[in-house]
């Protein structure tokens, strides 16, 4: 015998109610970052002495990077993805730009606004570790810049000649030379908006153990990033600074600190210049 329309409706209500009841509840989360040069905050109006392998005095003119694949990890090793709040400027649900320059001093080509804290939602747990990837996912990285949506609308982060974006940008200036470090995918085939692939991904992994999002701040230490790099000169007959070339000697220590194989662009270890603030 076929069930009556009333019984059918009751079954549907119970089914929907059960599905809603099984949905995982999420809670707001904030992940705070601070750019440092050693133990000192990074800003655009300070000169930092004894930097790099030649102990150079430098100023910073840019310091920002994209990140995605953001996960918080429980003590039991369970990875839970953070869904970012979409703010129309810095964050899509899965991708964000962190910007530590404020357009003052030596950062005159930057923007007044900064973005140093990620906000989002995550299932309610107690977390002990943070993991994320530096860079832009492939499908987002090779959109047409003319139709891109935030945070892929910052023109200073576009890398047109590679058909993508600069994943990490850290530019410094000294009396002798302006050293720029632009990390991004290379060996890309195709045209802007229609790239079929890149031979070197150059997306770095970051792992922050002993991390509590409720209380901790992540330090991004530019002193460690540039520690083995001579930022006062450029290797002859190479691109300026490091533009992610697999043959540029100026890139070698930077790729090591990123945890990347310079030849292949693959991850070998987590990046080593991130830590939890004591």
C-alpha atoms as a PDB file:
ATOM      1  CA  UNK A   1       0.000   0.000   0.000  1.00  0.00           C
ATOM      2  CA  UNK A   2       1.357   3.437  -0.934  1.00  0.00           C
ATOM      3  CA  UNK A   3       1.927   5.840   1.974  1.00  0.00           C
ATOM      4  CA  UNK A   4      -0.453   8.748   2.278  1.00  0.00           C
ATOM      5  CA  UNK A   5       0.623  12.287   1.286  1.00  0.00           C
ATOM      6  CA  UNK A   6       0.709  13.233   4.981  1.00  0.00           C
ATOM      7  CA  UNK A   7       3.111  10.387   5.789  1.00  0.00           C
ATOM      8  CA  UNK A   8       5.293  11.355   2.840  1.00  0.00           C
ATOM      9  CA  UNK A   9       5.479  14.951   4.078  1.00  0.00           C
ATOM     10  CA  UNK A  10       6.314  13.809   7.620  1.00  0.00           C
ATOM     11  CA  UNK A  11       9.110  11.562   6.315  1.00  0.00           C
ATOM     12  CA  UNK A  12      10.559  14.451   4.293  1.00  0.00           C
ATOM     13  CA  UNK A  13      10.520  16.771   7.317  1.00  0.00           C
ATOM     14  CA  UNK A  14      12.312  14.146   9.441  1.00  0.00           C
ATOM     15  CA  UNK A  15      14.880  13.545   6.695  1.00  0.00           C
ATOM     16  CA  UNK A  16      15.681  17.256   6.325  1.00  0.00           C
ATOM     17  CA  UNK A  17      15.776  17.748  10.076  1.00  0.00           C
ATOM     18  CA  UNK A  18      18.174  14.840  10.477  1.00  0.00           C
ATOM     19  CA  UNK A  19      20.499  16.209   7.788  1.00  0.00           C
ATOM     20  CA  UNK A  20      20.606  19.635   9.426  1.00  0.00           C
ATOM     21  CA  UNK A  21      21.253  18.072  12.804  1.00  0.00           C
ATOM     22  CA  UNK A  22      24.265  16.176  11.420  1.00  0.00           C
ATOM     23  CA  UNK A  23      25.915  19.273   9.934  1.00  0.00           C
ATOM     24  CA  UNK A  24      29.172  20.208  11.673  1.00  0.00           C
ATOM     25  CA  UNK A  25      28.934  23.401  13.674  1.00  0.00           C
ATOM     26  CA  UNK A  26      31.627  25.993  13.004  1.00  0.00           C
ATOM     27  CA  UNK A  27      33.012  28.822  15.091  1.00  0.00           C
ATOM     28  CA  UNK A  28      34.831  32.048  14.167  1.00  0.00           C
ATOM     29  CA  UNK A  29      38.617  31.917  14.129  1.00  0.00           C
ATOM     30  CA  UNK A  30      41.340  34.524  13.678  1.00  0.00           C
ATOM     31  CA  UNK A  31      44.929  33.760  12.661  1.00  0.00           C
ATOM     32  CA  UNK A  32      47.279  36.663  13.392  1.00  0.00           C
ATOM     33  CA  UNK A  33      50.565  37.364  11.591  1.00  0.00           C
ATOM     34  CA  UNK A  34      53.374  39.834  12.224  1.00  0.00           C
ATOM     35  CA  UNK A  35      56.325  40.554   9.924  1.00  0.00           C
ATOM     36  CA  UNK A  36      59.639  40.915  11.742  1.00  0.00           C
ATOM     37  CA  UNK A  37      63.294  41.500  10.950  1.00  0.00           C
ATOM     38  CA  UNK A  38      64.776  39.336  13.656  1.00  0.00           C
ATOM     39  CA  UNK A  39      63.230  40.536  16.903  1.00  0.00           C
ATOM     40  CA  UNK A  40      62.158  43.910  15.472  1.00  0.00           C
ATOM     41  CA  UNK A  41      58.851  44.601  13.696  1.00  0.00           C
ATOM     42  CA  UNK A  42      59.181  45.137   9.946  1.00  0.00           C
ATOM     43  CA  UNK A  43      58.062  48.544   8.739  1.00  0.00           C
ATOM     44  CA  UNK A  44      58.744  50.865   5.827  1.00  0.00           C
ATOM     45  CA  UNK A  45      60.515  53.627   7.737  1.00  0.00           C
ATOM     46  CA  UNK A  46      63.273  51.715   9.523  1.00  0.00           C
ATOM     47  CA  UNK A  47      66.782  50.857   8.358  1.00  0.00           C
ATOM     48  CA  UNK A  48      67.901  47.382   9.410  1.00  0.00           C
ATOM     49  CA  UNK A  49      71.645  46.849   9.785  1.00  0.00           C
ATOM     50  CA  UNK A  50      73.699  43.706   9.282  1.00  0.00           C
ATOM     51  CA  UNK A  51      71.262  41.928   6.988  1.00  0.00           C
ATOM     52  CA  UNK A  52      72.032  39.143   4.561  1.00  0.00           C
ATOM     53  CA  UNK A  53      75.332  37.390   3.976  1.00  0.00           C
ATOM     54  CA  UNK A  54      77.191  40.714   3.440  1.00  0.00           C
ATOM     55  CA  UNK A  55      75.808  42.390   6.609  1.00  0.00           C
ATOM     56  CA  UNK A  56      74.096  45.068   4.538  1.00  0.00           C
ATOM     57  CA  UNK A  57      72.013  47.984   5.848  1.00  0.00           C
ATOM     58  CA  UNK A  58      68.635  47.783   4.134  1.00  0.00           C
ATOM     59  CA  UNK A  59      65.125  49.177   4.042  1.00  0.00           C
ATOM     60  CA  UNK A  60      62.044  47.275   2.887  1.00  0.00           C
ATOM     61  CA  UNK A  61      59.936  48.550  -0.006  1.00  0.00           C
ATOM     62  CA  UNK A  62      57.478  45.619  -0.150  1.00  0.00           C
ATOM     63  CA  UNK A  63      56.535  42.551   1.877  1.00  0.00           C
ATOM     64  CA  UNK A  64      53.378  40.548   1.157  1.00  0.00           C
ATOM     65  CA  UNK A  65      52.269  37.094   0.088  1.00  0.00           C
ATOM     66  CA  UNK A  66      49.319  34.958  -0.943  1.00  0.00           C
ATOM     67  CA  UNK A  67      48.294  31.839   0.965  1.00  0.00           C
ATOM     68  CA  UNK A  68      45.703  29.104   0.581  1.00  0.00           C
ATOM     69  CA  UNK A  69      44.993  25.506   1.682  1.00  0.00           C
ATOM     70  CA  UNK A  70      44.756  26.756   5.269  1.00  0.00           C
ATOM     71  CA  UNK A  71      44.225  23.994   7.858  1.00  0.00           C
ATOM     72  CA  UNK A  72      44.187  23.797  11.626  1.00  0.00           C
ATOM     73  CA  UNK A  73      45.282  20.514  13.148  1.00  0.00           C
ATOM     74  CA  UNK A  74      44.169  18.850  16.372  1.00  0.00           C
ATOM     75  CA  UNK A  75      46.441  17.006  18.805  1.00  0.00           C
ATOM     76  CA  UNK A  76      45.163  13.759  17.231  1.00  0.00           C
ATOM     77  CA  UNK A  77      46.384  14.877  13.797  1.00  0.00           C
ATOM     78  CA  UNK A  78      42.969  15.703  12.317  1.00  0.00           C
ATOM     79  CA  UNK A  79      43.257  18.448   9.669  1.00  0.00           C
ATOM     80  CA  UNK A  80      40.305  20.814   9.391  1.00  0.00           C
ATOM     81  CA  UNK A  81      40.095  23.424   6.642  1.00  0.00           C
ATOM     82  CA  UNK A  82      39.547  27.064   7.524  1.00  0.00           C
ATOM     83  CA  UNK A  83      36.840  28.713   5.412  1.00  0.00           C
ATOM     84  CA  UNK A  84      37.843  32.352   5.104  1.00  0.00           C
ATOM     85  CA  UNK A  85      35.400  35.223   5.408  1.00  0.00           C
ATOM     86  CA  UNK A  86      34.962  36.977   2.055  1.00  0.00           C
ATOM     87  CA  UNK A  87      35.642  40.690   2.543  1.00  0.00           C
ATOM     88  CA  UNK A  88      35.817  41.864  -1.064  1.00  0.00           C
ATOM     89  CA  UNK A  89      39.440  43.032  -0.685  1.00  0.00           C
ATOM     90  CA  UNK A  90      41.857  40.587   0.936  1.00  0.00           C
ATOM     91  CA  UNK A  91      40.057  37.256   1.232  1.00  0.00           C
ATOM     92  CA  UNK A  92      38.075  34.775  -0.818  1.00  0.00           C
ATOM     93  CA  UNK A  93      36.752  31.694   0.980  1.00  0.00           C
ATOM     94  CA  UNK A  94      39.900  29.740   0.093  1.00  0.00           C
ATOM     95  CA  UNK A  95      42.554  32.357  -0.691  1.00  0.00           C
ATOM     96  CA  UNK A  96      44.026  35.432   1.019  1.00  0.00           C
ATOM     97  CA  UNK A  97      46.670  38.099   0.593  1.00  0.00           C
ATOM     98  CA  UNK A  98      48.686  39.179   3.634  1.00  0.00           C
ATOM     99  CA  UNK A  99      50.142  42.682   3.232  1.00  0.00           C
ATOM    100  CA  UNK A 100      52.626  44.105   5.732  1.00  0.00           C
ATOM    101  CA  UNK A 101      53.642  47.292   3.894  1.00  0.00           C
ATOM    102  CA  UNK A 102      51.651  50.469   4.496  1.00  0.00           C
ATOM    103  CA  UNK A 103      52.655  52.788   1.672  1.00  0.00           C
ATOM    104  CA  UNK A 104      54.865  54.974   3.874  1.00  0.00           C
ATOM    105  CA  UNK A 105      58.605  55.651   3.689  1.00  0.00           C
ATOM    106  CA  UNK A 106      60.384  53.275   1.324  1.00  0.00           C
ATOM    107  CA  UNK A 107      57.074  51.522   0.506  1.00  0.00           C
ATOM    108  CA  UNK A 108      55.760  54.489  -1.484  1.00  0.00           C
ATOM    109  CA  UNK A 109      54.554  52.210  -4.307  1.00  0.00           C
ATOM    110  CA  UNK A 110      52.417  50.194  -1.899  1.00  0.00           C
ATOM    111  CA  UNK A 111      49.048  50.770  -0.300  1.00  0.00           C
ATOM    112  CA  UNK A 112      48.047  52.476   2.924  1.00  0.00           C
ATOM    113  CA  UNK A 113      45.941  49.519   4.022  1.00  0.00           C
ATOM    114  CA  UNK A 114      47.531  46.431   5.522  1.00  0.00           C
ATOM    115  CA  UNK A 115      46.132  42.961   6.119  1.00  0.00           C
ATOM    116  CA  UNK A 116      47.798  40.876   8.816  1.00  0.00           C
ATOM    117  CA  UNK A 117      44.969  38.800  10.318  1.00  0.00           C
ATOM    118  CA  UNK A 118      42.977  36.035   8.646  1.00  0.00           C
ATOM    119  CA  UNK A 119      39.366  35.667   9.715  1.00  0.00           C
ATOM    120  CA  UNK A 120      37.195  32.673   8.982  1.00  0.00           C
ATOM    121  CA  UNK A 121      35.218  29.710  10.231  1.00  0.00           C
ATOM    122  CA  UNK A 122      36.391  26.288  11.372  1.00  0.00           C
ATOM    123  CA  UNK A 123      34.747  23.286  13.084  1.00  0.00           C
ATOM    124  CA  UNK A 124      34.922  23.667  16.851  1.00  0.00           C
ATOM    125  CA  UNK A 125      37.965  21.795  18.205  1.00  0.00           C
ATOM    126  CA  UNK A 126      41.121  22.430  20.200  1.00  0.00           C
ATOM    127  CA  UNK A 127      44.019  22.986  17.809  1.00  0.00           C
ATOM    128  CA  UNK A 128      47.769  22.549  18.197  1.00  0.00           C
ATOM    129  CA  UNK A 129      49.136  23.238  14.707  1.00  0.00           C
ATOM    130  CA  UNK A 130      48.608  25.385  11.608  1.00  0.00           C
ATOM    131  CA  UNK A 131      49.401  24.397   8.027  1.00  0.00           C
ATOM    132  CA  UNK A 132      49.057  26.373   4.818  1.00  0.00           C
ATOM    133  CA  UNK A 133      50.509  26.820   1.332  1.00  0.00           C
ATOM    134  CA  UNK A 134      52.217  29.977   0.095  1.00  0.00           C
ATOM    135  CA  UNK A 135      50.896  30.841  -3.344  1.00  0.00           C
ATOM    136  CA  UNK A 136      47.770  30.943  -5.468  1.00  0.00           C
ATOM    137  CA  UNK A 137      46.012  27.721  -6.590  1.00  0.00           C
ATOM    138  CA  UNK A 138      46.621  26.917 -10.258  1.00  0.00           C
ATOM    139  CA  UNK A 139      43.097  27.649 -11.504  1.00  0.00           C
ATOM    140  CA  UNK A 140      43.051  31.040  -9.733  1.00  0.00           C
ATOM    141  CA  UNK A 141      46.640  31.846 -10.636  1.00  0.00           C
ATOM    142  CA  UNK A 142      46.007  31.822 -14.361  1.00  0.00           C
ATOM    143  CA  UNK A 143      42.757  33.721 -14.640  1.00  0.00           C
ATOM    144  CA  UNK A 144      42.657  36.749 -16.892  1.00  0.00           C
ATOM    145  CA  UNK A 145      43.765  39.691 -14.676  1.00  0.00           C
ATOM    146  CA  UNK A 146      41.141  41.879 -16.348  1.00  0.00           C
ATOM    147  CA  UNK A 147      38.356  39.698 -14.928  1.00  0.00           C
ATOM    148  CA  UNK A 148      40.025  38.632 -11.667  1.00  0.00           C
ATOM    149  CA  UNK A 149      38.285  39.128  -8.324  1.00  0.00           C
ATOM    150  CA  UNK A 150      39.848  40.192  -4.996  1.00  0.00           C
ATOM    151  CA  UNK A 151      42.402  39.514  -3.666  1.00  0.00           C
ATOM    152  CA  UNK A 152      43.759  38.954  -7.195  1.00  0.00           C
ATOM    153  CA  UNK A 153      43.203  42.604  -8.155  1.00  0.00           C
ATOM    154  CA  UNK A 154      46.408  44.081  -6.715  1.00  0.00           C
ATOM    155  CA  UNK A 155      48.354  45.012  -9.849  1.00  0.00           C
ATOM    156  CA  UNK A 156      51.699  45.002  -8.023  1.00  0.00           C
ATOM    157  CA  UNK A 157      51.213  41.279  -7.390  1.00  0.00           C
ATOM    158  CA  UNK A 158      50.420  40.409 -11.001  1.00  0.00           C
ATOM    159  CA  UNK A 159      53.181  38.605 -12.885  1.00  0.00           C
ATOM    160  CA  UNK A 160      52.000  39.108 -16.450  1.00  0.00           C
ATOM    161  CA  UNK A 161      55.048  37.704 -18.190  1.00  0.00           C
ATOM    162  CA  UNK A 162      54.536  34.403 -16.386  1.00  0.00           C
ATOM    163  CA  UNK A 163      50.772  34.420 -16.828  1.00  0.00           C
ATOM    164  CA  UNK A 164      50.132  34.385 -13.095  1.00  0.00           C
ATOM    165  CA  UNK A 165      50.747  36.150  -9.787  1.00  0.00           C
ATOM    166  CA  UNK A 166      53.697  36.765  -7.509  1.00  0.00           C
ATOM    167  CA  UNK A 167      53.093  34.372  -4.628  1.00  0.00           C
ATOM    168  CA  UNK A 168      55.590  36.099  -2.326  1.00  0.00           C
ATOM    169  CA  UNK A 169      57.042  39.559  -2.819  1.00  0.00           C
ATOM    170  CA  UNK A 170      59.866  40.879  -0.638  1.00  0.00           C
ATOM    171  CA  UNK A 171      61.769  43.895  -1.981  1.00  0.00           C
ATOM    172  CA  UNK A 172      64.683  45.533  -0.175  1.00  0.00           C
ATOM    173  CA  UNK A 173      66.941  48.497  -0.911  1.00  0.00           C
ATOM    174  CA  UNK A 174      70.515  49.258   0.111  1.00  0.00           C
ATOM    175  CA  UNK A 175      73.050  51.927  -0.849  1.00  0.00           C
ATOM    176  CA  UNK A 176      74.458  49.684  -3.568  1.00  0.00           C
ATOM    177  CA  UNK A 177      71.510  47.750  -4.977  1.00  0.00           C
ATOM    178  CA  UNK A 178      67.742  47.239  -4.841  1.00  0.00           C
ATOM    179  CA  UNK A 179      67.195  43.491  -4.392  1.00  0.00           C
ATOM    180  CA  UNK A 180      63.781  42.066  -5.280  1.00  0.00           C
ATOM    181  CA  UNK A 181      62.507  38.592  -4.478  1.00  0.00           C
ATOM    182  CA  UNK A 182      59.456  37.503  -6.456  1.00  0.00           C
ATOM    183  CA  UNK A 183      58.331  33.913  -5.977  1.00  0.00           C
ATOM    184  CA  UNK A 184      55.889  32.477  -8.493  1.00  0.00           C
ATOM    185  CA  UNK A 185      55.314  29.604 -10.874  1.00  0.00           C
ATOM    186  CA  UNK A 186      57.716  29.459 -13.836  1.00  0.00           C
ATOM    187  CA  UNK A 187      58.008  27.482 -17.034  1.00  0.00           C
ATOM    188  CA  UNK A 188      54.339  28.199 -17.780  1.00  0.00           C
ATOM    189  CA  UNK A 189      52.904  27.342 -21.198  1.00  0.00           C
ATOM    190  CA  UNK A 190      50.047  29.157 -22.866  1.00  0.00           C
ATOM    191  CA  UNK A 191      48.787  32.703 -22.968  1.00  0.00           C
ATOM    192  CA  UNK A 192      47.423  34.959 -20.230  1.00  0.00           C
ATOM    193  CA  UNK A 193      44.071  33.584 -19.136  1.00  0.00           C
ATOM    194  CA  UNK A 194      44.753  30.279 -20.913  1.00  0.00           C
ATOM    195  CA  UNK A 195      47.832  28.687 -19.320  1.00  0.00           C
ATOM    196  CA  UNK A 196      47.873  24.907 -19.674  1.00  0.00           C
ATOM    197  CA  UNK A 197      50.557  24.171 -17.081  1.00  0.00           C
ATOM    198  CA  UNK A 198      53.806  25.237 -15.407  1.00  0.00           C
ATOM    199  CA  UNK A 199      56.893  23.067 -15.101  1.00  0.00           C
ATOM    200  CA  UNK A 200      57.840  24.581 -11.716  1.00  0.00           C
ATOM    201  CA  UNK A 201      54.992  25.208  -9.309  1.00  0.00           C
ATOM    202  CA  UNK A 202      57.074  26.971  -6.611  1.00  0.00           C
ATOM    203  CA  UNK A 203      54.298  26.805  -3.988  1.00  0.00           C
ATOM    204  CA  UNK A 204      55.832  26.496  -0.525  1.00  0.00           C
ATOM    205  CA  UNK A 205      54.415  24.699   2.504  1.00  0.00           C
ATOM    206  CA  UNK A 206      54.331  26.169   6.008  1.00  0.00           C
ATOM    207  CA  UNK A 207      53.863  24.175   9.211  1.00  0.00           C
ATOM    208  CA  UNK A 208      53.493  25.963  12.551  1.00  0.00           C
ATOM    209  CA  UNK A 209      53.591  23.478  15.467  1.00  0.00           C
ATOM    210  CA  UNK A 210      52.540  24.351  19.020  1.00  0.00           C
ATOM    211  CA  UNK A 211      50.075  26.903  17.705  1.00  0.00           C
ATOM    212  CA  UNK A 212      46.935  28.065  19.502  1.00  0.00           C
ATOM    213  CA  UNK A 213      44.850  30.448  17.340  1.00  0.00           C
ATOM    214  CA  UNK A 214      43.167  31.879  20.423  1.00  0.00           C
ATOM    215  CA  UNK A 215      46.405  33.264  21.877  1.00  0.00           C
ATOM    216  CA  UNK A 216      49.310  33.052  19.410  1.00  0.00           C
ATOM    217  CA  UNK A 217      50.713  35.283  16.666  1.00  0.00           C
ATOM    218  CA  UNK A 218      52.809  33.939  13.784  1.00  0.00           C
ATOM    219  CA  UNK A 219      56.083  35.743  13.118  1.00  0.00           C
ATOM    220  CA  UNK A 220      57.231  35.966   9.483  1.00  0.00           C
ATOM    221  CA  UNK A 221      60.954  36.652   9.879  1.00  0.00           C
ATOM    222  CA  UNK A 222      62.535  38.461   6.918  1.00  0.00           C
ATOM    223  CA  UNK A 223      65.956  38.311   8.573  1.00  0.00           C
ATOM    224  CA  UNK A 224      65.946  34.525   8.359  1.00  0.00           C
ATOM    225  CA  UNK A 225      64.554  34.580   4.807  1.00  0.00           C
ATOM    226  CA  UNK A 226      67.452  36.752   3.546  1.00  0.00           C
ATOM    227  CA  UNK A 227      70.135  35.491   5.945  1.00  0.00           C
ATOM    228  CA  UNK A 228      72.299  33.708   3.333  1.00  0.00           C
ATOM    229  CA  UNK A 229      71.598  36.152   0.478  1.00  0.00           C
ATOM    230  CA  UNK A 230      73.882  39.022  -0.525  1.00  0.00           C
ATOM    231  CA  UNK A 231      71.229  41.706  -1.007  1.00  0.00           C
ATOM    232  CA  UNK A 232      73.832  44.367  -1.918  1.00  0.00           C
ATOM    233  CA  UNK A 233      74.601  43.003  -5.380  1.00  0.00           C
ATOM    234  CA  UNK A 234      73.256  40.886  -8.228  1.00  0.00           C
ATOM    235  CA  UNK A 235      74.880  37.887  -9.861  1.00  0.00           C
ATOM    236  CA  UNK A 236      76.142  39.095 -13.259  1.00  0.00           C
ATOM    237  CA  UNK A 237      74.098  38.193 -16.340  1.00  0.00           C
ATOM    238  CA  UNK A 238      71.058  37.151 -14.320  1.00  0.00           C
ATOM    239  CA  UNK A 239      67.655  38.704 -13.735  1.00  0.00           C
ATOM    240  CA  UNK A 240      67.461  41.386 -11.056  1.00  0.00           C
ATOM    241  CA  UNK A 241      67.483  39.878  -7.566  1.00  0.00           C
ATOM    242  CA  UNK A 242      65.600  36.573  -7.586  1.00  0.00           C
ATOM    243  CA  UNK A 243      62.759  36.118 -10.065  1.00  0.00           C
ATOM    244  CA  UNK A 244      62.373  32.383  -9.336  1.00  0.00           C
ATOM    245  CA  UNK A 245      64.750  31.246 -12.071  1.00  0.00           C
ATOM    246  CA  UNK A 246      66.051  27.706 -11.620  1.00  0.00           C
ATOM    247  CA  UNK A 247      69.564  28.791 -12.684  1.00  0.00           C
ATOM    248  CA  UNK A 248      69.959  32.053 -10.738  1.00  0.00           C
ATOM    249  CA  UNK A 249      72.427  31.687  -7.870  1.00  0.00           C
ATOM    250  CA  UNK A 250      70.761  34.570  -6.017  1.00  0.00           C
ATOM    251  CA  UNK A 251      67.666  32.372  -5.671  1.00  0.00           C
ATOM    252  CA  UNK A 252      69.414  29.360  -4.130  1.00  0.00           C
ATOM    253  CA  UNK A 253      69.401  30.404  -0.432  1.00  0.00           C
ATOM    254  CA  UNK A 254      65.937  31.929  -0.739  1.00  0.00           C
ATOM    255  CA  UNK A 255      64.506  28.711  -2.180  1.00  0.00           C
ATOM    256  CA  UNK A 256      66.232  26.732   0.576  1.00  0.00           C
ATOM    257  CA  UNK A 257      64.544  28.882   3.216  1.00  0.00           C
ATOM    258  CA  UNK A 258      61.239  28.463   1.377  1.00  0.00           C
ATOM    259  CA  UNK A 259      61.760  24.697   1.530  1.00  0.00           C
ATOM    260  CA  UNK A 260      61.661  24.445  -2.265  1.00  0.00           C
ATOM    261  CA  UNK A 261      63.865  22.603  -4.737  1.00  0.00           C
ATOM    262  CA  UNK A 262      65.103  25.362  -7.041  1.00  0.00           C
ATOM    263  CA  UNK A 263      65.495  22.995  -9.994  1.00  0.00           C
ATOM    264  CA  UNK A 264      62.053  21.382  -9.844  1.00  0.00           C
ATOM    265  CA  UNK A 265      59.972  23.850  -7.847  1.00  0.00           C
ATOM    266  CA  UNK A 266      58.752  21.018  -5.617  1.00  0.00           C
ATOM    267  CA  UNK A 267      58.463  21.127  -1.815  1.00  0.00           C
ATOM    268  CA  UNK A 268      61.334  19.504   0.083  1.00  0.00           C
ATOM    269  CA  UNK A 269      60.564  20.762   3.592  1.00  0.00           C
ATOM    270  CA  UNK A 270      58.415  23.392   5.322  1.00  0.00           C
ATOM    271  CA  UNK A 271      59.553  27.015   4.999  1.00  0.00           C
ATOM    272  CA  UNK A 272      61.883  27.871   7.899  1.00  0.00           C
ATOM    273  CA  UNK A 273      61.226  31.574   8.531  1.00  0.00           C
ATOM    274  CA  UNK A 274      57.847  31.267  10.266  1.00  0.00           C
ATOM    275  CA  UNK A 275      57.474  30.794  14.025  1.00  0.00           C
ATOM    276  CA  UNK A 276      55.092  31.390  16.892  1.00  0.00           C
ATOM    277  CA  UNK A 277      55.677  34.578  18.854  1.00  0.00           C
ATOM    278  CA  UNK A 278      57.058  33.733  22.311  1.00  0.00           C
END
